[in-house]
Amino acid sequence: MAVAIILIAVIIAALIGIYASYYKTFYSPHKDMSETVSPSVIKDQVYGRELQKLIDQICETPCEYVSIRSYDGLKLSARYYKGNDDMPLCICFHGYRGSAVRDFSAIGLYLIGKGYNVLNVDERAHWRSEGHTITFGIKERYDVLSWINYSNERFGADIPIYLFGISMGGGTVLMASGLDLPNNVKAILADCPFNSPKDSIKHVCKKIHLNPTLSWPIVWLAAAIYGHFNVSETTAAIEVKKTKQPILIMHGEGDDFVPMYMSKEVKDANPDMVEWHSFPKAGHGMSYFYDKERYLAILDEFMERNK
């Protein structure tokens, strides 16, 4: 009897630990998602203040709220900023626990200002989009295809499309590159993306003083049991090997959240299709702010070359 009680207690404790891991890593209650983010989230307060101004500006920019159904039945939301009729469409995907207006305030406003049509997506389990499980690009990559299909149905399949992603959104569009994307998807652009959800999660575990080797099996089980997905199903490098679209990656050398080597692995997986640039000293998602002139020059040249 005593052995049975101990065994039951161990099982209960294990399930509680696994659920805690799911809640901490994958669950999104939406409560921490907002249209504005305090500059305190940025270490450098100069760039933090600038970012907040850009967030305020894009929040004030007129847009149309649109929605679709995901392949698994979730209502997904986006903001559509109409540009010039003869200009391409840019579909943008933000980062982990981020928001469309925060992560694509600077580049979003730049693209809008140049006359591009911009679809700024709320990823599943974020802000106006339904769902409570963040899957690090595993399911989100199919949402990318759903937004492309929506755009082709609404605007016509001849409109040139560029896919943009930052952080987890960057990993997501890179994972989507292995899908059978329509021919009007001209190029994919990713800022500070990870390659493998596993390596990204293990890196964060190490940063918060958890043993990554011991933590990973618990995290994997949490995704499988409570999130109903395999977090190791694929990686960006695996999918990029299949891509038909040219890819641009930019990454800050000072990124301590998604280290630069993670995106370099993607570059090395298909060097003929992936163009890669690094930005000295820039932290996570901050390459634009550290060297705007170079960042935008690389962006413009790549898009112009891949019309």
C-alpha atoms as a PDB file:
ATOM      1  CA  MET A   1       0.000   0.000   0.000  1.00  0.00           C
ATOM      2  CA  ALA A   2       2.764   2.428   0.945  1.00  0.00           C
ATOM      3  CA  VAL A   3       4.555   1.785  -2.350  1.00  0.00           C
ATOM      4  CA  ALA A   4       1.351   2.417  -4.299  1.00  0.00           C
ATOM      5  CA  ILE A   5       0.755   5.701  -2.468  1.00  0.00           C
ATOM      6  CA  ILE A   6       4.304   6.817  -3.151  1.00  0.00           C
ATOM      7  CA  LEU A   7       3.962   5.880  -6.824  1.00  0.00           C
ATOM      8  CA  ILE A   8       0.696   7.801  -7.130  1.00  0.00           C
ATOM      9  CA  ALA A   9       2.262  10.804  -5.419  1.00  0.00           C
ATOM     10  CA  VAL A  10       5.221  10.705  -7.818  1.00  0.00           C
ATOM     11  CA  ILE A  11       2.899  10.511 -10.837  1.00  0.00           C
ATOM     12  CA  ILE A  12       0.792  13.412  -9.590  1.00  0.00           C
ATOM     13  CA  ALA A  13       3.904  15.486  -8.894  1.00  0.00           C
ATOM     14  CA  ALA A  14       5.246  14.698 -12.363  1.00  0.00           C
ATOM     15  CA  LEU A  15       1.978  15.718 -14.037  1.00  0.00           C
ATOM     16  CA  ILE A  16       1.904  18.941 -12.049  1.00  0.00           C
ATOM     17  CA  GLY A  17       5.487  19.662 -13.095  1.00  0.00           C
ATOM     18  CA  ILE A  18       4.715  18.931 -16.727  1.00  0.00           C
ATOM     19  CA  TYR A  19       1.646  21.167 -16.650  1.00  0.00           C
ATOM     20  CA  ALA A  20       3.661  23.943 -14.987  1.00  0.00           C
ATOM     21  CA  SER A  21       6.157  23.648 -17.823  1.00  0.00           C
ATOM     22  CA  TYR A  22       3.350  23.876 -20.390  1.00  0.00           C
ATOM     23  CA  TYR A  23       1.848  26.902 -18.665  1.00  0.00           C
ATOM     24  CA  LYS A  24       5.185  28.696 -18.455  1.00  0.00           C
ATOM     25  CA  THR A  25       6.419  27.855 -21.964  1.00  0.00           C
ATOM     26  CA  PHE A  26       3.438  27.430 -24.264  1.00  0.00           C
ATOM     27  CA  TYR A  27       0.248  28.703 -22.633  1.00  0.00           C
ATOM     28  CA  SER A  28      -0.982  32.178 -23.480  1.00  0.00           C
ATOM     29  CA  PRO A  29      -3.829  33.685 -21.447  1.00  0.00           C
ATOM     30  CA  HIS A  30      -3.771  36.779 -23.723  1.00  0.00           C
ATOM     31  CA  LYS A  31      -3.660  38.964 -20.613  1.00  0.00           C
ATOM     32  CA  ASP A  32      -0.087  40.097 -21.282  1.00  0.00           C
ATOM     33  CA  MET A  33      -0.762  41.044 -24.873  1.00  0.00           C
ATOM     34  CA  SER A  34      -1.236  44.762 -25.445  1.00  0.00           C
ATOM     35  CA  GLU A  35      -1.031  47.235 -28.284  1.00  0.00           C
ATOM     36  CA  THR A  36       1.575  49.277 -26.454  1.00  0.00           C
ATOM     37  CA  VAL A  37       4.639  48.076 -24.617  1.00  0.00           C
ATOM     38  CA  SER A  38       6.596  50.018 -22.024  1.00  0.00           C
ATOM     39  CA  PRO A  39      10.097  51.118 -23.042  1.00  0.00           C
ATOM     40  CA  SER A  40      11.343  49.264 -19.964  1.00  0.00           C
ATOM     41  CA  VAL A  41      11.300  46.057 -22.035  1.00  0.00           C
ATOM     42  CA  ILE A  42      14.285  47.427 -23.946  1.00  0.00           C
ATOM     43  CA  LYS A  43      17.618  47.596 -22.101  1.00  0.00           C
ATOM     44  CA  ASP A  44      18.705  50.701 -23.972  1.00  0.00           C
ATOM     45  CA  GLN A  45      16.204  53.362 -22.924  1.00  0.00           C
ATOM     46  CA  VAL A  46      17.055  55.601 -25.901  1.00  0.00           C
ATOM     47  CA  TYR A  47      15.845  52.942 -28.313  1.00  0.00           C
ATOM     48  CA  GLY A  48      13.034  52.067 -25.915  1.00  0.00           C
ATOM     49  CA  ARG A  49      11.602  55.568 -26.107  1.00  0.00           C
ATOM     50  CA  GLU A  50      11.947  55.576 -29.878  1.00  0.00           C
ATOM     51  CA  LEU A  51      10.189  52.228 -30.087  1.00  0.00           C
ATOM     52  CA  GLN A  52       7.309  53.455 -27.942  1.00  0.00           C
ATOM     53  CA  LYS A  53       6.813  56.437 -30.265  1.00  0.00           C
ATOM     54  CA  LEU A  54       6.714  54.108 -33.265  1.00  0.00           C
ATOM     55  CA  ILE A  55       4.195  51.845 -31.519  1.00  0.00           C
ATOM     56  CA  ASP A  56       1.982  54.847 -30.782  1.00  0.00           C
ATOM     57  CA  GLN A  57       2.293  55.992 -34.386  1.00  0.00           C
ATOM     58  CA  ILE A  58       1.322  52.666 -35.966  1.00  0.00           C
ATOM     59  CA  CYS A  59      -1.573  52.318 -33.508  1.00  0.00           C
ATOM     60  CA  GLU A  60      -2.869  55.639 -34.845  1.00  0.00           C
ATOM     61  CA  THR A  61      -2.413  54.604 -38.484  1.00  0.00           C
ATOM     62  CA  PRO A  62      -5.767  53.712 -40.109  1.00  0.00           C
ATOM     63  CA  CYS A  63      -6.191  50.017 -40.829  1.00  0.00           C
ATOM     64  CA  GLU A  64      -8.813  47.400 -41.550  1.00  0.00           C
ATOM     65  CA  TYR A  65      -9.192  44.520 -39.095  1.00  0.00           C
ATOM     66  CA  VAL A  66      -9.532  41.249 -40.975  1.00  0.00           C
ATOM     67  CA  SER A  67      -9.841  37.637 -39.875  1.00  0.00           C
ATOM     68  CA  ILE A  68      -9.621  34.088 -41.213  1.00  0.00           C
ATOM     69  CA  ARG A  69     -10.046  30.546 -39.905  1.00  0.00           C
ATOM     70  CA  SER A  70      -6.928  28.484 -39.332  1.00  0.00           C
ATOM     71  CA  TYR A  71      -6.626  24.927 -40.612  1.00  0.00           C
ATOM     72  CA  ASP A  72      -7.591  23.725 -37.114  1.00  0.00           C
ATOM     73  CA  GLY A  73     -10.532  26.077 -36.641  1.00  0.00           C
ATOM     74  CA  LEU A  74      -9.115  29.097 -34.791  1.00  0.00           C
ATOM     75  CA  LYS A  75     -10.172  32.614 -35.683  1.00  0.00           C
ATOM     76  CA  LEU A  76      -7.002  34.517 -36.590  1.00  0.00           C
ATOM     77  CA  SER A  77      -6.803  38.300 -36.767  1.00  0.00           C
ATOM     78  CA  ALA A  78      -4.678  40.827 -38.634  1.00  0.00           C
ATOM     79  CA  ARG A  79      -4.482  44.515 -39.411  1.00  0.00           C
ATOM     80  CA  TYR A  80      -4.492  45.417 -43.109  1.00  0.00           C
ATOM     81  CA  TYR A  81      -2.888  48.688 -44.197  1.00  0.00           C
ATOM     82  CA  LYS A  82      -3.808  49.486 -47.782  1.00  0.00           C
ATOM     83  CA  GLY A  83      -1.011  50.823 -49.951  1.00  0.00           C
ATOM     84  CA  ASN A  84      -0.783  51.537 -53.645  1.00  0.00           C
ATOM     85  CA  ASP A  85      -2.684  49.198 -55.970  1.00  0.00           C
ATOM     86  CA  ASP A  86       0.449  48.391 -57.978  1.00  0.00           C
ATOM     87  CA  MET A  87       2.606  47.581 -54.956  1.00  0.00           C
ATOM     88  CA  PRO A  88       3.332  44.143 -53.424  1.00  0.00           C
ATOM     89  CA  LEU A  89       1.809  42.815 -50.210  1.00  0.00           C
ATOM     90  CA  CYS A  90       3.979  42.277 -47.123  1.00  0.00           C
ATOM     91  CA  ILE A  91       2.641  39.750 -44.578  1.00  0.00           C
ATOM     92  CA  CYS A  92       4.304  40.205 -41.191  1.00  0.00           C
ATOM     93  CA  PHE A  93       4.577  37.775 -38.252  1.00  0.00           C
ATOM     94  CA  HIS A  94       5.662  38.923 -34.784  1.00  0.00           C
ATOM     95  CA  GLY A  95       7.612  37.175 -32.048  1.00  0.00           C
ATOM     96  CA  TYR A  96       6.960  35.024 -28.980  1.00  0.00           C
ATOM     97  CA  ARG A  97       4.516  36.749 -26.604  1.00  0.00           C
ATOM     98  CA  GLY A  98       4.931  39.832 -28.752  1.00  0.00           C
ATOM     99  CA  SER A  99       2.425  41.865 -30.705  1.00  0.00           C
ATOM    100  CA  ALA A 100       2.042  42.908 -34.313  1.00  0.00           C
ATOM    101  CA  VAL A 101       2.193  46.616 -33.539  1.00  0.00           C
ATOM    102  CA  ARG A 102       5.239  46.347 -31.296  1.00  0.00           C
ATOM    103  CA  ASP A 103       7.409  44.027 -33.349  1.00  0.00           C
ATOM    104  CA  PHE A 104       6.456  45.559 -36.691  1.00  0.00           C
ATOM    105  CA  SER A 105       6.122  49.180 -35.682  1.00  0.00           C
ATOM    106  CA  ALA A 106       9.386  50.377 -37.241  1.00  0.00           C
ATOM    107  CA  ILE A 107       9.482  48.169 -40.341  1.00  0.00           C
ATOM    108  CA  GLY A 108       5.697  48.237 -40.672  1.00  0.00           C
ATOM    109  CA  LEU A 109       5.641  52.026 -40.804  1.00  0.00           C
ATOM    110  CA  TYR A 110       8.569  52.041 -43.216  1.00  0.00           C
ATOM    111  CA  LEU A 111       6.791  49.666 -45.598  1.00  0.00           C
ATOM    112  CA  ILE A 112       3.509  51.550 -45.286  1.00  0.00           C
ATOM    113  CA  GLY A 113       5.339  54.807 -46.004  1.00  0.00           C
ATOM    114  CA  LYS A 114       6.793  53.343 -49.196  1.00  0.00           C
ATOM    115  CA  GLY A 115       3.329  52.413 -50.450  1.00  0.00           C
ATOM    116  CA  TYR A 116       3.435  48.669 -49.795  1.00  0.00           C
ATOM    117  CA  ASN A 117       0.252  46.889 -48.789  1.00  0.00           C
ATOM    118  CA  VAL A 118       0.875  45.466 -45.307  1.00  0.00           C
ATOM    119  CA  LEU A 119      -0.915  42.658 -43.471  1.00  0.00           C
ATOM    120  CA  ASN A 120       0.258  42.745 -39.849  1.00  0.00           C
ATOM    121  CA  VAL A 121      -0.763  39.419 -38.300  1.00  0.00           C
ATOM    122  CA  ASP A 122      -1.656  38.557 -34.714  1.00  0.00           C
ATOM    123  CA  GLU A 123      -0.176  35.070 -34.327  1.00  0.00           C
ATOM    124  CA  ARG A 124      -2.384  32.331 -32.843  1.00  0.00           C
ATOM    125  CA  ALA A 125      -2.722  32.684 -29.060  1.00  0.00           C
ATOM    126  CA  HIS A 126      -1.797  36.369 -29.271  1.00  0.00           C
ATOM    127  CA  TRP A 127      -3.941  39.485 -28.968  1.00  0.00           C
ATOM    128  CA  ARG A 128      -7.092  39.226 -31.161  1.00  0.00           C
ATOM    129  CA  SER A 129      -6.339  35.758 -32.519  1.00  0.00           C
ATOM    130  CA  GLU A 130      -7.862  32.734 -30.838  1.00  0.00           C
ATOM    131  CA  GLY A 131      -6.039  29.857 -29.204  1.00  0.00           C
ATOM    132  CA  HIS A 132      -4.067  29.497 -26.003  1.00  0.00           C
ATOM    133  CA  THR A 133      -1.077  27.438 -27.124  1.00  0.00           C
ATOM    134  CA  ILE A 134       2.041  28.948 -28.689  1.00  0.00           C
ATOM    135  CA  THR A 135       3.790  26.257 -30.764  1.00  0.00           C
ATOM    136  CA  PHE A 136       7.045  27.989 -31.773  1.00  0.00           C
ATOM    137  CA  GLY A 137       6.244  27.833 -35.480  1.00  0.00           C
ATOM    138  CA  ILE A 138       5.143  24.180 -35.619  1.00  0.00           C
ATOM    139  CA  LYS A 139       1.460  25.036 -36.195  1.00  0.00           C
ATOM    140  CA  GLU A 140       1.996  28.717 -36.980  1.00  0.00           C
ATOM    141  CA  ARG A 141       3.729  27.814 -40.273  1.00  0.00           C
ATOM    142  CA  TYR A 142       0.393  26.527 -41.580  1.00  0.00           C
ATOM    143  CA  ASP A 143      -1.206  29.819 -40.521  1.00  0.00           C
ATOM    144  CA  VAL A 144       1.295  31.550 -42.813  1.00  0.00           C
ATOM    145  CA  LEU A 145      -0.105  29.507 -45.716  1.00  0.00           C
ATOM    146  CA  SER A 146      -3.671  30.345 -44.635  1.00  0.00           C
ATOM    147  CA  TRP A 147      -2.901  34.076 -44.726  1.00  0.00           C
ATOM    148  CA  ILE A 148      -1.313  33.698 -48.162  1.00  0.00           C
ATOM    149  CA  ASN A 149      -4.413  31.887 -49.433  1.00  0.00           C
ATOM    150  CA  TYR A 150      -6.653  34.592 -47.948  1.00  0.00           C
ATOM    151  CA  SER A 151      -4.581  37.279 -49.671  1.00  0.00           C
ATOM    152  CA  ASN A 152      -4.699  35.519 -53.026  1.00  0.00           C
ATOM    153  CA  GLU A 153      -8.456  35.086 -52.809  1.00  0.00           C
ATOM    154  CA  ARG A 154      -8.967  38.737 -51.874  1.00  0.00           C
ATOM    155  CA  PHE A 155      -6.335  40.510 -53.988  1.00  0.00           C
ATOM    156  CA  GLY A 156      -5.668  38.006 -56.754  1.00  0.00           C
ATOM    157  CA  ALA A 157      -2.968  35.383 -57.151  1.00  0.00           C
ATOM    158  CA  ASP A 158      -0.807  37.724 -59.228  1.00  0.00           C
ATOM    159  CA  ILE A 159      -0.025  40.132 -56.379  1.00  0.00           C
ATOM    160  CA  PRO A 160       3.637  39.759 -55.332  1.00  0.00           C
ATOM    161  CA  ILE A 161       3.917  38.704 -51.672  1.00  0.00           C
ATOM    162  CA  TYR A 162       6.816  39.065 -49.262  1.00  0.00           C
ATOM    163  CA  LEU A 163       6.788  37.179 -45.960  1.00  0.00           C
ATOM    164  CA  PHE A 164       8.344  38.961 -42.971  1.00  0.00           C
ATOM    165  CA  GLY A 165       9.035  37.521 -39.536  1.00  0.00           C
ATOM    166  CA  ILE A 166      10.869  38.586 -36.407  1.00  0.00           C
ATOM    167  CA  SER A 167      12.110  36.273 -33.635  1.00  0.00           C
ATOM    168  CA  MET A 168       9.576  33.418 -33.382  1.00  0.00           C
ATOM    169  CA  GLY A 169       7.825  34.951 -36.379  1.00  0.00           C
ATOM    170  CA  GLY A 170      11.119  34.673 -38.231  1.00  0.00           C
ATOM    171  CA  GLY A 171      11.394  31.012 -37.315  1.00  0.00           C
ATOM    172  CA  THR A 172       7.778  30.595 -38.403  1.00  0.00           C
ATOM    173  CA  VAL A 173       8.206  32.022 -41.916  1.00  0.00           C
ATOM    174  CA  LEU A 174      11.413  30.002 -42.341  1.00  0.00           C
ATOM    175  CA  MET A 175       9.547  26.833 -41.362  1.00  0.00           C
ATOM    176  CA  ALA A 176       6.780  27.814 -43.791  1.00  0.00           C
ATOM    177  CA  SER A 177       9.361  28.040 -46.583  1.00  0.00           C
ATOM    178  CA  GLY A 178       9.298  24.251 -46.843  1.00  0.00           C
ATOM    179  CA  LEU A 179       5.588  24.197 -47.642  1.00  0.00           C
ATOM    180  CA  ASP A 180       4.243  24.315 -51.193  1.00  0.00           C
ATOM    181  CA  LEU A 181       3.891  28.088 -51.326  1.00  0.00           C
ATOM    182  CA  PRO A 182       2.209  29.781 -54.307  1.00  0.00           C
ATOM    183  CA  ASN A 183       4.467  31.219 -57.005  1.00  0.00           C
ATOM    184  CA  ASN A 184       3.534  34.799 -56.165  1.00  0.00           C
ATOM    185  CA  VAL A 185       5.385  34.508 -52.842  1.00  0.00           C
ATOM    186  CA  LYS A 186       8.549  36.201 -54.044  1.00  0.00           C
ATOM    187  CA  ALA A 187      10.795  36.157 -50.979  1.00  0.00           C
ATOM    188  CA  ILE A 188      11.050  35.558 -47.231  1.00  0.00           C
ATOM    189  CA  LEU A 189      12.694  37.938 -44.761  1.00  0.00           C
ATOM    190  CA  ALA A 190      13.544  36.970 -41.174  1.00  0.00           C
ATOM    191  CA  ASP A 191      15.011  39.118 -38.389  1.00  0.00           C
ATOM    192  CA  CYS A 192      16.730  37.295 -35.473  1.00  0.00           C
ATOM    193  CA  PRO A 193      15.006  33.927 -36.088  1.00  0.00           C
ATOM    194  CA  PHE A 194      15.773  30.693 -34.281  1.00  0.00           C
ATOM    195  CA  ASN A 195      16.412  27.456 -36.116  1.00  0.00           C
ATOM    196  CA  SER A 196      15.166  24.838 -33.678  1.00  0.00           C
ATOM    197  CA  PRO A 197      12.447  25.337 -31.039  1.00  0.00           C
ATOM    198  CA  LYS A 198      14.374  22.815 -28.954  1.00  0.00           C
ATOM    199  CA  ASP A 199      17.615  24.795 -28.983  1.00  0.00           C
ATOM    200  CA  SER A 200      15.779  28.058 -28.349  1.00  0.00           C
ATOM    201  CA  ILE A 201      13.912  26.651 -25.350  1.00  0.00           C
ATOM    202  CA  LYS A 202      17.028  24.978 -23.945  1.00  0.00           C
ATOM    203  CA  HIS A 203      18.925  28.258 -24.276  1.00  0.00           C
ATOM    204  CA  VAL A 204      16.260  30.090 -22.266  1.00  0.00           C
ATOM    205  CA  CYS A 205      16.290  27.315 -19.640  1.00  0.00           C
ATOM    206  CA  LYS A 206      20.002  27.862 -19.214  1.00  0.00           C
ATOM    207  CA  LYS A 207      19.502  31.636 -18.907  1.00  0.00           C
ATOM    208  CA  ILE A 208      17.044  31.148 -16.037  1.00  0.00           C
ATOM    209  CA  HIS A 209      19.362  28.661 -14.314  1.00  0.00           C
ATOM    210  CA  LEU A 210      17.496  25.468 -15.188  1.00  0.00           C
ATOM    211  CA  ASN A 211      19.414  22.449 -16.391  1.00  0.00           C
ATOM    212  CA  PRO A 212      18.530  22.365 -20.122  1.00  0.00           C
ATOM    213  CA  THR A 213      19.269  18.664 -20.517  1.00  0.00           C
ATOM    214  CA  LEU A 214      16.959  17.709 -17.673  1.00  0.00           C
ATOM    215  CA  SER A 215      14.333  20.337 -18.514  1.00  0.00           C
ATOM    216  CA  TRP A 216      13.906  19.511 -22.189  1.00  0.00           C
ATOM    217  CA  PRO A 217      12.125  16.123 -21.811  1.00  0.00           C
ATOM    218  CA  ILE A 218       9.633  17.779 -19.434  1.00  0.00           C
ATOM    219  CA  VAL A 219       9.030  20.610 -21.902  1.00  0.00           C
ATOM    220  CA  TRP A 220       8.605  18.125 -24.768  1.00  0.00           C
ATOM    221  CA  LEU A 221       6.040  16.142 -22.768  1.00  0.00           C
ATOM    222  CA  ALA A 222       4.249  19.363 -21.818  1.00  0.00           C
ATOM    223  CA  ALA A 223       3.842  20.257 -25.488  1.00  0.00           C
ATOM    224  CA  ALA A 224       2.654  16.757 -26.372  1.00  0.00           C
ATOM    225  CA  ILE A 225       0.264  16.178 -23.449  1.00  0.00           C
ATOM    226  CA  TYR A 226      -1.244  19.623 -22.923  1.00  0.00           C
ATOM    227  CA  GLY A 227      -0.450  21.424 -26.196  1.00  0.00           C
ATOM    228  CA  HIS A 228      -1.207  18.455 -28.477  1.00  0.00           C
ATOM    229  CA  PHE A 229       1.780  19.006 -30.760  1.00  0.00           C
ATOM    230  CA  ASN A 230       5.308  17.741 -31.287  1.00  0.00           C
ATOM    231  CA  VAL A 231       7.654  20.642 -30.599  1.00  0.00           C
ATOM    232  CA  SER A 232      10.467  18.668 -32.300  1.00  0.00           C
ATOM    233  CA  GLU A 233       8.460  18.019 -35.466  1.00  0.00           C
ATOM    234  CA  THR A 234      10.739  20.130 -37.657  1.00  0.00           C
ATOM    235  CA  THR A 235      13.256  22.971 -37.697  1.00  0.00           C
ATOM    236  CA  ALA A 236      13.819  26.011 -39.865  1.00  0.00           C
ATOM    237  CA  ALA A 237      16.987  24.451 -41.329  1.00  0.00           C
ATOM    238  CA  ILE A 238      15.116  21.306 -42.378  1.00  0.00           C
ATOM    239  CA  GLU A 239      12.381  23.328 -44.099  1.00  0.00           C
ATOM    240  CA  VAL A 240      14.709  25.852 -45.737  1.00  0.00           C
ATOM    241  CA  LYS A 241      16.403  23.013 -47.610  1.00  0.00           C
ATOM    242  CA  LYS A 242      13.119  22.638 -49.543  1.00  0.00           C
ATOM    243  CA  THR A 243      12.500  26.314 -50.257  1.00  0.00           C
ATOM    244  CA  LYS A 244      11.754  27.776 -53.676  1.00  0.00           C
ATOM    245  CA  GLN A 245      11.910  31.353 -52.390  1.00  0.00           C
ATOM    246  CA  PRO A 246      15.057  33.415 -51.773  1.00  0.00           C
ATOM    247  CA  ILE A 247      15.545  34.185 -48.088  1.00  0.00           C
ATOM    248  CA  LEU A 248      17.095  37.151 -46.268  1.00  0.00           C
ATOM    249  CA  ILE A 249      18.171  36.814 -42.627  1.00  0.00           C
ATOM    250  CA  MET A 250      19.438  39.667 -40.445  1.00  0.00           C
ATOM    251  CA  HIS A 251      20.640  39.134 -36.881  1.00  0.00           C
ATOM    252  CA  GLY A 252      22.188  41.196 -34.099  1.00  0.00           C
ATOM    253  CA  GLU A 253      25.576  40.028 -32.844  1.00  0.00           C
ATOM    254  CA  GLY A 254      24.624  41.059 -29.302  1.00  0.00           C
ATOM    255  CA  ASP A 255      21.440  38.958 -29.224  1.00  0.00           C
ATOM    256  CA  ASP A 256      21.415  36.979 -25.972  1.00  0.00           C
ATOM    257  CA  PHE A 257      17.811  35.745 -26.319  1.00  0.00           C
ATOM    258  CA  VAL A 258      18.138  34.045 -29.714  1.00  0.00           C
ATOM    259  CA  PRO A 259      21.908  33.807 -30.249  1.00  0.00           C
ATOM    260  CA  MET A 260      23.174  34.571 -33.714  1.00  0.00           C
ATOM    261  CA  TYR A 261      24.509  31.039 -34.329  1.00  0.00           C
ATOM    262  CA  MET A 262      20.909  29.796 -34.491  1.00  0.00           C
ATOM    263  CA  SER A 263      20.130  31.719 -37.674  1.00  0.00           C
ATOM    264  CA  LYS A 264      23.584  30.928 -39.073  1.00  0.00           C
ATOM    265  CA  GLU A 265      22.557  27.255 -38.928  1.00  0.00           C
ATOM    266  CA  VAL A 266      19.676  28.124 -41.252  1.00  0.00           C
ATOM    267  CA  LYS A 267      22.018  29.912 -43.648  1.00  0.00           C
ATOM    268  CA  ASP A 268      24.376  26.927 -43.683  1.00  0.00           C
ATOM    269  CA  ALA A 269      21.495  24.549 -44.453  1.00  0.00           C
ATOM    270  CA  ASN A 270      20.917  26.164 -47.872  1.00  0.00           C
ATOM    271  CA  PRO A 271      23.590  28.775 -48.634  1.00  0.00           C
ATOM    272  CA  ASP A 272      22.475  29.133 -52.251  1.00  0.00           C
ATOM    273  CA  MET A 273      19.033  30.400 -51.209  1.00  0.00           C
ATOM    274  CA  VAL A 274      19.794  32.229 -47.948  1.00  0.00           C
ATOM    275  CA  GLU A 275      21.439  35.655 -47.689  1.00  0.00           C
ATOM    276  CA  TRP A 276      22.653  36.417 -44.159  1.00  0.00           C
ATOM    277  CA  HIS A 277      23.797  39.666 -42.490  1.00  0.00           C
ATOM    278  CA  SER A 278      24.851  40.437 -38.918  1.00  0.00           C
ATOM    279  CA  PHE A 279      24.769  43.732 -37.016  1.00  0.00           C
ATOM    280  CA  PRO A 280      27.504  44.422 -34.424  1.00  0.00           C
ATOM    281  CA  LYS A 281      26.335  44.979 -30.826  1.00  0.00           C
ATOM    282  CA  ALA A 282      22.623  44.839 -31.733  1.00  0.00           C
ATOM    283  CA  GLY A 283      20.429  42.980 -29.243  1.00  0.00           C
ATOM    284  CA  HIS A 284      17.390  40.850 -29.931  1.00  0.00           C
ATOM    285  CA  GLY A 285      15.251  42.425 -32.637  1.00  0.00           C
ATOM    286  CA  MET A 286      17.233  45.668 -32.437  1.00  0.00           C
ATOM    287  CA  SER A 287      19.363  45.553 -35.596  1.00  0.00           C
ATOM    288  CA  TYR A 288      17.186  48.195 -37.261  1.00  0.00           C
ATOM    289  CA  PHE A 289      17.729  50.637 -34.411  1.00  0.00           C
ATOM    290  CA  TYR A 290      21.487  50.089 -34.259  1.00  0.00           C
ATOM    291  CA  ASP A 291      22.088  50.754 -37.972  1.00  0.00           C
ATOM    292  CA  LYS A 292      18.963  51.925 -39.765  1.00  0.00           C
ATOM    293  CA  GLU A 293      20.736  53.051 -42.920  1.00  0.00           C
ATOM    294  CA  ARG A 294      22.424  49.676 -43.512  1.00  0.00           C
ATOM    295  CA  TYR A 295      19.387  47.675 -42.407  1.00  0.00           C
ATOM    296  CA  LEU A 296      17.040  49.452 -44.801  1.00  0.00           C
ATOM    297  CA  ALA A 297      19.574  49.419 -47.638  1.00  0.00           C
ATOM    298  CA  ILE A 298      19.880  45.627 -47.338  1.00  0.00           C
ATOM    299  CA  LEU A 299      16.095  45.298 -47.117  1.00  0.00           C
ATOM    300  CA  ASP A 300      15.376  47.508 -50.125  1.00  0.00           C
ATOM    301  CA  GLU A 301      18.040  45.919 -52.322  1.00  0.00           C
ATOM    302  CA  PHE A 302      16.843  42.401 -51.522  1.00  0.00           C
ATOM    303  CA  MET A 303      13.202  43.214 -52.218  1.00  0.00           C
ATOM    304  CA  GLU A 304      14.046  45.056 -55.415  1.00  0.00           C
ATOM    305  CA  ARG A 305      16.136  42.101 -56.608  1.00  0.00           C
ATOM    306  CA  ASN A 306      13.365  39.615 -55.851  1.00  0.00           C
ATOM    307  CA  LYS A 307      10.285  41.227 -57.341  1.00  0.00           C
END
